[in-house]
Amino acid sequence: MKAGKRLKKPESYITRSYRQFPGQADLIAIQVQIQETDLHILATETTTFDVQERATELVIQYRLQIEKYSVRHPLFLATLDPLPLDFLAPPLIQEMLAAGQKAGVGPMAAVAGVIAEFVGKALVAEGVAEIIVENGGDIYVQRCKECSVAIFAGQSPLSYKVGLRLSPSLMPVGVCTSSGTVGHSLSFGKADAVTVVAKSTALADAVATRLGNEVDTTLSAKAGVERALAKAREIEGIEGVVVICGEVMGAMGAVELVRLSV
């Protein structure tokens, strides 16, 4: 088996405590929840349309695309392995398939990230100047100024103690995190957090899942982190990676780490 997709574990739920931290003061906060999709949106206000109403419409639209495609292609929801590209599919589906191929995972490993990105891009295209869309810890960011993203790593002593500084030149950008110890996503690893930065949020999401699987239970924390970073260097299209396992942290690529005191 190669790498896992993101599956909801039965009767599991994680309190999204990270949403209680102060946000960007110049952005309004919006919540959109449709079944498993749970978006926390920070956006600039616009007088031309209701952002929450439009975001809700977009979530429904994109979820329907996934549901309709999976009826014709049942493996799309079930496989843990990459599927062939389908250039007749909707752009969102194509993005998931491409991300799965690059990361070596099933396309559903990119579902949270791709919805965050497509909702964010659509709202920007329709007049929202700046936006942050978070979907279960996977984030699409389009800002005109520098901002930082904290890394939640469960019970690790490094949780909320380290973050990533994102420069305006990097945006729009995706920042996605997978964990083998926190949350409802299926992972075959023991990493407390694998955070991936990429221009494609779908790719960041899929790669985070793949790298999380590399930190398996047969390895020491240090060896697992090193193995995940080695695999990350083989994958094209990612800007950088941070891996946290207990007290061990490693990073690669163009990521700027910052010390946090939250």
Foldseek 3Di string as FASTA:
>chain_A
DAFAFWDFDPPDDDDPVVVVDDDDPQWDWEWEDDPLWTKIKTFHDDPPDDLNVVLNVLLVVVVVLVVVVCVVVVVLPPFQFADDADPVGPPLQNLLNVLRVLQGTRSNLLVQQSSQVVSVVVVVVVPTVWMWMHTQQKIFGQDQAKDKDFAAQDPAPCGRFKIWIDGNVLPRKIKHWDAPVDDRTDAQAHWSIKIWIFRRSSNRSSNNRSLRNQRHPVDDNVVSQVRSVVSVVVGPGTAKMWTHHRHDIDMDHPTDMDGGDD
